[in-house]
Amino acid sequence: MSSTPARQFALQGAAVILVLSLAWPYYGWTAEAMPWRQTSLLIGAVALALATISRQPWWWRLIHALFMPAIWATYTLAIPPGWFLLGFVLLLLVYRGALSGQVPLYLSNRETVAALDELIGKEECERIVDLGAGVGSTMIPLADRWPDKHFTGAENAPLTWLAGLVLGIGRPNLHWRWEDLWQMPLADYDLVYAFLSPVPMPKLWEKARAEMRPGSLFVSNSFPVPGTAPDFVIDVACTPPRPLYCYRI
């Protein structure tokens, strides 16, 4: 099942309809008040089951499980609407990519950084860029490991960009850019790394082929380019598996 917003609303709606189609007739027949707390928890459990069956990513499963109980809790606690506005603004500042381009915030783990470290050494790359660099979990340790090479992080979510900028202070070989990945020029880099989502991969591959130099390397964490076989795949020893799909331009 796709992770598009329309599909997610449909999945949550199916859980609501399934539970209420059973609960309403029962409580109407018995003339009892609907126990909304239990009902919201049951809707969350059914939505979680549907999300699991349809192989949704873990964060969507969590959202589906908590969505209806959160609505019940919000109504019960009478939370002032200003808090929701604040929460939305904070989400926008951190997860701007997820809202605008279906690119959630992923943080590369240490095993992935070690695999990239080895790849950079083998390829003798001099200039490396991370598209959607988050808080610098990839570029900062690599910049420390290779002080003679040049690393660039491109991030367009304000708070995550600011966090990466602060964490990367003191590394002259690290350039931290507040930049939309679609506006980021790629011609100067020997290795372009991305940990995004399946949605932008076809368009990003077209951009890479159009801008990157022959012989340079495009590396996608976890998400292959649809319809294009990678030149090689690096199996990263971690759980869950996060293979690196490597494409030679």
C-alpha atoms as a PDB file:
ATOM      1  CA  MET A   1       0.000   0.000   0.000  1.00  0.00           C
ATOM      2  CA  SER A   2       1.281   3.451  -0.864  1.00  0.00           C
ATOM      3  CA  SER A   3       2.255   5.920   1.864  1.00  0.00           C
ATOM      4  CA  THR A   4       0.485   8.851   0.194  1.00  0.00           C
ATOM      5  CA  PRO A   5      -1.697  10.966   2.516  1.00  0.00           C
ATOM      6  CA  ALA A   6      -4.910   9.968   0.698  1.00  0.00           C
ATOM      7  CA  ARG A   7      -4.175   6.286   1.249  1.00  0.00           C
ATOM      8  CA  GLN A   8      -3.392   6.884   4.910  1.00  0.00           C
ATOM      9  CA  PHE A   9      -6.680   8.724   5.447  1.00  0.00           C
ATOM     10  CA  ALA A  10      -8.444   5.843   3.714  1.00  0.00           C
ATOM     11  CA  LEU A  11      -6.784   3.332   6.038  1.00  0.00           C
ATOM     12  CA  GLN A  12      -7.719   5.293   9.152  1.00  0.00           C
ATOM     13  CA  GLY A  13     -11.232   5.749   7.819  1.00  0.00           C
ATOM     14  CA  ALA A  14     -11.582   2.018   7.235  1.00  0.00           C
ATOM     15  CA  ALA A  15     -10.663   1.375  10.880  1.00  0.00           C
ATOM     16  CA  VAL A  16     -13.223   3.927  12.081  1.00  0.00           C
ATOM     17  CA  ILE A  17     -15.989   2.505   9.884  1.00  0.00           C
ATOM     18  CA  LEU A  18     -15.216  -1.072  10.865  1.00  0.00           C
ATOM     19  CA  VAL A  19     -15.312  -0.400  14.616  1.00  0.00           C
ATOM     20  CA  LEU A  20     -18.309   1.969  14.614  1.00  0.00           C
ATOM     21  CA  SER A  21     -20.356  -0.276  12.320  1.00  0.00           C
ATOM     22  CA  LEU A  22     -20.197  -2.870  15.099  1.00  0.00           C
ATOM     23  CA  ALA A  23     -20.262  -0.605  18.157  1.00  0.00           C
ATOM     24  CA  TRP A  24     -23.152   1.691  17.226  1.00  0.00           C
ATOM     25  CA  PRO A  25     -25.753  -1.045  16.609  1.00  0.00           C
ATOM     26  CA  TYR A  26     -24.735  -2.847  19.803  1.00  0.00           C
ATOM     27  CA  TYR A  27     -24.905   0.175  22.097  1.00  0.00           C
ATOM     28  CA  GLY A  28     -27.994   1.474  20.329  1.00  0.00           C
ATOM     29  CA  TRP A  29     -29.746  -1.853  20.912  1.00  0.00           C
ATOM     30  CA  THR A  30     -28.748  -1.996  24.576  1.00  0.00           C
ATOM     31  CA  ALA A  31     -29.484   1.735  25.103  1.00  0.00           C
ATOM     32  CA  GLU A  32     -26.065   2.226  26.696  1.00  0.00           C
ATOM     33  CA  ALA A  33     -23.761   5.214  26.248  1.00  0.00           C
ATOM     34  CA  MET A  34     -20.889   4.674  23.854  1.00  0.00           C
ATOM     35  CA  PRO A  35     -17.619   4.218  25.845  1.00  0.00           C
ATOM     36  CA  TRP A  36     -15.553   6.560  23.691  1.00  0.00           C
ATOM     37  CA  ARG A  37     -12.237   5.896  25.413  1.00  0.00           C
ATOM     38  CA  GLN A  38     -12.433   2.159  24.774  1.00  0.00           C
ATOM     39  CA  THR A  39     -13.811   2.770  21.296  1.00  0.00           C
ATOM     40  CA  SER A  40     -10.930   5.097  20.378  1.00  0.00           C
ATOM     41  CA  LEU A  41      -8.401   2.560  21.657  1.00  0.00           C
ATOM     42  CA  LEU A  42     -10.071  -0.172  19.601  1.00  0.00           C
ATOM     43  CA  ILE A  43     -10.014   2.015  16.485  1.00  0.00           C
ATOM     44  CA  GLY A  44      -6.303   2.614  17.081  1.00  0.00           C
ATOM     45  CA  ALA A  45      -5.684  -1.131  17.438  1.00  0.00           C
ATOM     46  CA  VAL A  46      -7.578  -1.905  14.222  1.00  0.00           C
ATOM     47  CA  ALA A  47      -5.776   0.888  12.353  1.00  0.00           C
ATOM     48  CA  LEU A  48      -2.446  -0.473  13.594  1.00  0.00           C
ATOM     49  CA  ALA A  49      -3.402  -3.956  12.367  1.00  0.00           C
ATOM     50  CA  LEU A  50      -4.387  -2.609   8.950  1.00  0.00           C
ATOM     51  CA  ALA A  51      -1.182  -0.572   8.698  1.00  0.00           C
ATOM     52  CA  THR A  52       0.856  -3.655   9.634  1.00  0.00           C
ATOM     53  CA  ILE A  53      -0.933  -5.875   7.120  1.00  0.00           C
ATOM     54  CA  SER A  54      -0.366  -3.292   4.384  1.00  0.00           C
ATOM     55  CA  ARG A  55       3.342  -3.060   5.339  1.00  0.00           C
ATOM     56  CA  GLN A  56       3.374   0.596   6.232  1.00  0.00           C
ATOM     57  CA  PRO A  57       6.617   2.073   7.614  1.00  0.00           C
ATOM     58  CA  TRP A  58       6.901   1.994  11.382  1.00  0.00           C
ATOM     59  CA  TRP A  59       6.153   5.687  11.816  1.00  0.00           C
ATOM     60  CA  TRP A  60       2.858   5.364   9.930  1.00  0.00           C
ATOM     61  CA  ARG A  61       1.910   2.401  12.109  1.00  0.00           C
ATOM     62  CA  LEU A  62       2.574   4.507  15.200  1.00  0.00           C
ATOM     63  CA  ILE A  63       0.538   7.401  13.796  1.00  0.00           C
ATOM     64  CA  HIS A  64      -2.403   5.129  12.987  1.00  0.00           C
ATOM     65  CA  ALA A  65      -2.309   3.525  16.436  1.00  0.00           C
ATOM     66  CA  LEU A  66      -2.291   6.855  18.295  1.00  0.00           C
ATOM     67  CA  PHE A  67      -4.417   9.042  16.021  1.00  0.00           C
ATOM     68  CA  MET A  68      -7.904   8.276  17.349  1.00  0.00           C
ATOM     69  CA  PRO A  69      -6.863   7.897  21.030  1.00  0.00           C
ATOM     70  CA  ALA A  70      -5.154  11.285  20.694  1.00  0.00           C
ATOM     71  CA  ILE A  71      -8.374  12.837  19.398  1.00  0.00           C
ATOM     72  CA  TRP A  72     -10.288  11.408  22.357  1.00  0.00           C
ATOM     73  CA  ALA A  73      -7.655  12.638  24.816  1.00  0.00           C
ATOM     74  CA  THR A  74      -7.641  16.086  23.213  1.00  0.00           C
ATOM     75  CA  TYR A  75     -11.406  16.388  23.529  1.00  0.00           C
ATOM     76  CA  THR A  76     -11.411  15.106  27.118  1.00  0.00           C
ATOM     77  CA  LEU A  77      -8.575  17.327  28.334  1.00  0.00           C
ATOM     78  CA  ALA A  78      -9.933  20.443  26.568  1.00  0.00           C
ATOM     79  CA  ILE A  79      -6.435  21.443  25.419  1.00  0.00           C
ATOM     80  CA  PRO A  80      -6.304  25.102  24.254  1.00  0.00           C
ATOM     81  CA  PRO A  81      -5.993  25.365  20.433  1.00  0.00           C
ATOM     82  CA  GLY A  82      -2.824  27.458  20.708  1.00  0.00           C
ATOM     83  CA  TRP A  83      -0.864  24.352  21.686  1.00  0.00           C
ATOM     84  CA  PHE A  84      -1.867  22.664  18.444  1.00  0.00           C
ATOM     85  CA  LEU A  85      -0.673  25.647  16.457  1.00  0.00           C
ATOM     86  CA  LEU A  86       2.645  25.519  18.303  1.00  0.00           C
ATOM     87  CA  GLY A  87       2.917  21.792  17.639  1.00  0.00           C
ATOM     88  CA  PHE A  88       2.211  22.282  13.937  1.00  0.00           C
ATOM     89  CA  VAL A  89       4.846  25.015  13.655  1.00  0.00           C
ATOM     90  CA  LEU A  90       7.446  22.821  15.369  1.00  0.00           C
ATOM     91  CA  LEU A  91       6.604  19.893  13.081  1.00  0.00           C
ATOM     92  CA  LEU A  92       6.912  22.159  10.065  1.00  0.00           C
ATOM     93  CA  LEU A  93      10.310  23.391  11.215  1.00  0.00           C
ATOM     94  CA  VAL A  94      11.618  19.845  11.731  1.00  0.00           C
ATOM     95  CA  TYR A  95       9.716  17.794   9.133  1.00  0.00           C
ATOM     96  CA  ARG A  96       9.323  20.292   6.319  1.00  0.00           C
ATOM     97  CA  GLY A  97      10.526  17.701   3.795  1.00  0.00           C
ATOM     98  CA  ALA A  98       7.844  15.231   4.824  1.00  0.00           C
ATOM     99  CA  LEU A  99       5.097  17.833   4.373  1.00  0.00           C
ATOM    100  CA  SER A 100       6.322  19.249   1.067  1.00  0.00           C
ATOM    101  CA  GLY A 101       7.913  16.258  -0.661  1.00  0.00           C
ATOM    102  CA  GLN A 102       7.059  13.091   1.304  1.00  0.00           C
ATOM    103  CA  VAL A 103      10.637  12.935   2.544  1.00  0.00           C
ATOM    104  CA  PRO A 104      10.616  12.206   6.297  1.00  0.00           C
ATOM    105  CA  LEU A 105      13.569  12.826   8.598  1.00  0.00           C
ATOM    106  CA  TYR A 106      15.835   9.771   8.572  1.00  0.00           C
ATOM    107  CA  LEU A 107      19.058   9.612  10.574  1.00  0.00           C
ATOM    108  CA  SER A 108      21.821   7.410   9.219  1.00  0.00           C
ATOM    109  CA  ASN A 109      23.179   4.995  11.814  1.00  0.00           C
ATOM    110  CA  ARG A 110      26.807   4.317  12.710  1.00  0.00           C
ATOM    111  CA  GLU A 111      26.966   1.174  10.589  1.00  0.00           C
ATOM    112  CA  THR A 112      25.928   3.168   7.523  1.00  0.00           C
ATOM    113  CA  VAL A 113      28.498   5.855   8.267  1.00  0.00           C
ATOM    114  CA  ALA A 114      31.176   3.136   8.548  1.00  0.00           C
ATOM    115  CA  ALA A 115      30.110   1.667   5.184  1.00  0.00           C
ATOM    116  CA  LEU A 116      30.268   5.106   3.560  1.00  0.00           C
ATOM    117  CA  ASP A 117      33.652   5.704   5.153  1.00  0.00           C
ATOM    118  CA  GLU A 118      34.975   2.537   3.521  1.00  0.00           C
ATOM    119  CA  LEU A 119      33.366   3.428   0.187  1.00  0.00           C
ATOM    120  CA  ILE A 120      34.902   6.909   0.184  1.00  0.00           C
ATOM    121  CA  GLY A 121      38.321   5.357   0.734  1.00  0.00           C
ATOM    122  CA  LYS A 122      37.891   2.832  -2.073  1.00  0.00           C
ATOM    123  CA  GLU A 123      36.512   5.363  -4.528  1.00  0.00           C
ATOM    124  CA  GLU A 124      39.050   8.033  -3.567  1.00  0.00           C
ATOM    125  CA  CYS A 125      36.262  10.617  -3.489  1.00  0.00           C
ATOM    126  CA  GLU A 126      37.276  14.192  -2.729  1.00  0.00           C
ATOM    127  CA  ARG A 127      33.919  15.984  -2.649  1.00  0.00           C
ATOM    128  CA  ILE A 128      30.845  14.410  -1.040  1.00  0.00           C
ATOM    129  CA  VAL A 129      27.330  15.793  -0.542  1.00  0.00           C
ATOM    130  CA  ASP A 130      24.394  14.553   1.536  1.00  0.00           C
ATOM    131  CA  LEU A 131      20.985  15.544   0.120  1.00  0.00           C
ATOM    132  CA  GLY A 132      18.621  15.904   3.062  1.00  0.00           C
ATOM    133  CA  ALA A 133      21.425  15.942   5.598  1.00  0.00           C
ATOM    134  CA  GLY A 134      19.223  16.237   8.704  1.00  0.00           C
ATOM    135  CA  VAL A 135      21.261  17.088  11.795  1.00  0.00           C
ATOM    136  CA  GLY A 136      24.561  15.924  10.306  1.00  0.00           C
ATOM    137  CA  SER A 137      24.588  12.328  11.536  1.00  0.00           C
ATOM    138  CA  THR A 138      26.378  11.310   8.311  1.00  0.00           C
ATOM    139  CA  MET A 139      28.482  14.240   7.188  1.00  0.00           C
ATOM    140  CA  ILE A 140      29.870  15.307  10.581  1.00  0.00           C
ATOM    141  CA  PRO A 141      31.565  11.989  11.498  1.00  0.00           C
ATOM    142  CA  LEU A 142      32.827  11.584   7.929  1.00  0.00           C
ATOM    143  CA  ALA A 143      34.259  15.108   7.974  1.00  0.00           C
ATOM    144  CA  ASP A 144      36.095  14.186  11.179  1.00  0.00           C
ATOM    145  CA  ARG A 145      37.356  10.975   9.607  1.00  0.00           C
ATOM    146  CA  TRP A 146      38.602  12.653   6.393  1.00  0.00           C
ATOM    147  CA  PRO A 147      39.879  16.169   7.228  1.00  0.00           C
ATOM    148  CA  ASP A 148      41.503  16.483   3.777  1.00  0.00           C
ATOM    149  CA  LYS A 149      38.231  15.921   1.888  1.00  0.00           C
ATOM    150  CA  HIS A 150      35.292  18.269   1.361  1.00  0.00           C
ATOM    151  CA  PHE A 151      31.816  17.461   2.692  1.00  0.00           C
ATOM    152  CA  THR A 152      28.549  19.294   2.122  1.00  0.00           C
ATOM    153  CA  GLY A 153      25.210  18.854   3.871  1.00  0.00           C
ATOM    154  CA  ALA A 154      22.060  20.192   2.208  1.00  0.00           C
ATOM    155  CA  GLU A 155      18.974  20.510   4.428  1.00  0.00           C
ATOM    156  CA  ASN A 156      15.827  22.635   4.049  1.00  0.00           C
ATOM    157  CA  ALA A 157      14.032  22.068   7.388  1.00  0.00           C
ATOM    158  CA  PRO A 158      14.971  25.096   9.541  1.00  0.00           C
ATOM    159  CA  LEU A 159      15.420  23.449  12.950  1.00  0.00           C
ATOM    160  CA  THR A 160      17.284  20.388  11.679  1.00  0.00           C
ATOM    161  CA  TRP A 161      19.469  22.627   9.503  1.00  0.00           C
ATOM    162  CA  LEU A 162      20.252  24.786  12.542  1.00  0.00           C
ATOM    163  CA  ALA A 163      21.048  21.713  14.650  1.00  0.00           C
ATOM    164  CA  GLY A 164      23.447  20.428  11.973  1.00  0.00           C
ATOM    165  CA  LEU A 165      25.044  23.853  11.647  1.00  0.00           C
ATOM    166  CA  VAL A 166      25.718  24.047  15.390  1.00  0.00           C
ATOM    167  CA  LEU A 167      26.913  20.440  15.676  1.00  0.00           C
ATOM    168  CA  GLY A 168      29.251  20.916  12.711  1.00  0.00           C
ATOM    169  CA  ILE A 169      31.030  23.982  14.095  1.00  0.00           C
ATOM    170  CA  GLY A 170      34.816  23.743  14.023  1.00  0.00           C
ATOM    171  CA  ARG A 171      35.094  21.615  10.877  1.00  0.00           C
ATOM    172  CA  PRO A 172      36.531  23.709   8.037  1.00  0.00           C
ATOM    173  CA  ASN A 173      36.030  20.841   5.561  1.00  0.00           C
ATOM    174  CA  LEU A 174      32.247  20.760   6.204  1.00  0.00           C
ATOM    175  CA  HIS A 175      29.946  23.135   4.336  1.00  0.00           C
ATOM    176  CA  TRP A 176      26.410  23.253   5.760  1.00  0.00           C
ATOM    177  CA  ARG A 177      23.792  24.612   3.363  1.00  0.00           C
ATOM    178  CA  TRP A 178      20.162  25.561   3.891  1.00  0.00           C
ATOM    179  CA  GLU A 179      19.124  24.327   0.484  1.00  0.00           C
ATOM    180  CA  ASP A 180      16.271  22.474  -1.187  1.00  0.00           C
ATOM    181  CA  LEU A 181      17.705  19.278  -2.647  1.00  0.00           C
ATOM    182  CA  TRP A 182      16.078  20.026  -6.026  1.00  0.00           C
ATOM    183  CA  GLN A 183      17.971  23.316  -6.209  1.00  0.00           C
ATOM    184  CA  MET A 184      21.279  21.800  -5.135  1.00  0.00           C
ATOM    185  CA  PRO A 185      23.797  21.610  -8.019  1.00  0.00           C
ATOM    186  CA  LEU A 186      25.517  18.218  -8.203  1.00  0.00           C
ATOM    187  CA  ALA A 187      28.202  18.687 -10.860  1.00  0.00           C
ATOM    188  CA  ASP A 188      31.017  19.372  -8.377  1.00  0.00           C
ATOM    189  CA  TYR A 189      30.674  16.172  -6.344  1.00  0.00           C
ATOM    190  CA  ASP A 190      32.336  12.774  -6.674  1.00  0.00           C
ATOM    191  CA  LEU A 191      29.751  11.086  -4.443  1.00  0.00           C
ATOM    192  CA  VAL A 192      26.133  12.107  -3.875  1.00  0.00           C
ATOM    193  CA  TYR A 193      24.418  10.421  -0.916  1.00  0.00           C
ATOM    194  CA  ALA A 194      20.681  10.453  -0.208  1.00  0.00           C
ATOM    195  CA  PHE A 195      18.497   8.855   2.470  1.00  0.00           C
ATOM    196  CA  LEU A 196      15.028  10.016   1.457  1.00  0.00           C
ATOM    197  CA  SER A 197      12.001   7.849   0.584  1.00  0.00           C
ATOM    198  CA  PRO A 198      10.738   5.876  -2.434  1.00  0.00           C
ATOM    199  CA  VAL A 199       8.641   8.815  -3.676  1.00  0.00           C
ATOM    200  CA  PRO A 200      11.361  11.211  -4.975  1.00  0.00           C
ATOM    201  CA  MET A 201      13.770   8.560  -6.293  1.00  0.00           C
ATOM    202  CA  PRO A 202      12.771   8.608 -10.011  1.00  0.00           C
ATOM    203  CA  LYS A 203      12.991  12.410 -10.188  1.00  0.00           C
ATOM    204  CA  LEU A 204      16.210  12.493  -8.173  1.00  0.00           C
ATOM    205  CA  TRP A 205      17.808   9.921 -10.464  1.00  0.00           C
ATOM    206  CA  GLU A 206      16.955  12.076 -13.474  1.00  0.00           C
ATOM    207  CA  LYS A 207      18.590  15.042 -11.742  1.00  0.00           C
ATOM    208  CA  ALA A 208      21.684  12.988 -10.892  1.00  0.00           C
ATOM    209  CA  ARG A 209      22.081  11.728 -14.463  1.00  0.00           C
ATOM    210  CA  ALA A 210      21.655  15.237 -15.857  1.00  0.00           C
ATOM    211  CA  GLU A 211      24.079  16.992 -13.495  1.00  0.00           C
ATOM    212  CA  MET A 212      26.671  14.583 -12.114  1.00  0.00           C
ATOM    213  CA  ARG A 213      29.970  14.004 -13.901  1.00  0.00           C
ATOM    214  CA  PRO A 214      30.706  10.700 -15.686  1.00  0.00           C
ATOM    215  CA  GLY A 215      32.359   8.281 -13.272  1.00  0.00           C
ATOM    216  CA  SER A 216      30.873   9.876 -10.149  1.00  0.00           C
ATOM    217  CA  LEU A 217      28.741   7.811  -7.772  1.00  0.00           C
ATOM    218  CA  PHE A 218      25.142   8.217  -6.657  1.00  0.00           C
ATOM    219  CA  VAL A 219      24.344   6.336  -3.423  1.00  0.00           C
ATOM    220  CA  SER A 220      20.819   5.842  -2.068  1.00  0.00           C
ATOM    221  CA  ASN A 221      20.271   4.475   1.418  1.00  0.00           C
ATOM    222  CA  SER A 222      17.488   1.841   1.563  1.00  0.00           C
ATOM    223  CA  PHE A 223      15.535   3.026  -1.488  1.00  0.00           C
ATOM    224  CA  PRO A 224      16.597   1.861  -4.982  1.00  0.00           C
ATOM    225  CA  VAL A 225      15.866   3.745  -8.175  1.00  0.00           C
ATOM    226  CA  PRO A 226      12.765   2.101  -9.696  1.00  0.00           C
ATOM    227  CA  GLY A 227      13.480   0.284 -12.933  1.00  0.00           C
ATOM    228  CA  THR A 228      17.260   0.845 -12.766  1.00  0.00           C
ATOM    229  CA  ALA A 229      19.664  -1.825 -11.570  1.00  0.00           C
ATOM    230  CA  PRO A 230      22.416  -0.507  -9.267  1.00  0.00           C
ATOM    231  CA  ASP A 231      26.023  -1.083 -10.278  1.00  0.00           C
ATOM    232  CA  PHE A 232      26.569  -2.619  -6.861  1.00  0.00           C
ATOM    233  CA  VAL A 233      24.863  -2.881  -3.483  1.00  0.00           C
ATOM    234  CA  ILE A 234      26.518  -2.570  -0.079  1.00  0.00           C
ATOM    235  CA  ASP A 235      24.765  -4.651   2.561  1.00  0.00           C
ATOM    236  CA  VAL A 236      25.050  -2.727   5.809  1.00  0.00           C
ATOM    237  CA  ALA A 237      25.074  -4.973   8.877  1.00  0.00           C
ATOM    238  CA  CYS A 238      22.295  -3.347  10.887  1.00  0.00           C
ATOM    239  CA  THR A 239      18.685  -3.895  11.955  1.00  0.00           C
ATOM    240  CA  PRO A 240      16.475  -3.066  10.146  1.00  0.00           C
ATOM    241  CA  PRO A 241      18.517  -3.701   6.960  1.00  0.00           C
ATOM    242  CA  ARG A 242      19.622  -0.531   5.195  1.00  0.00           C
ATOM    243  CA  PRO A 243      21.425  -1.463   1.987  1.00  0.00           C
ATOM    244  CA  LEU A 244      23.271   1.195   0.022  1.00  0.00           C
ATOM    245  CA  TYR A 245      22.293   1.163  -3.665  1.00  0.00           C
ATOM    246  CA  CYS A 246      25.218   2.527  -5.681  1.00  0.00           C
ATOM    247  CA  TYR A 247      24.852   3.864  -9.227  1.00  0.00           C
ATOM    248  CA  ARG A 248      27.775   4.844 -11.420  1.00  0.00           C
ATOM    249  CA  ILE A 249      27.074   7.803 -13.645  1.00  0.00           C
END
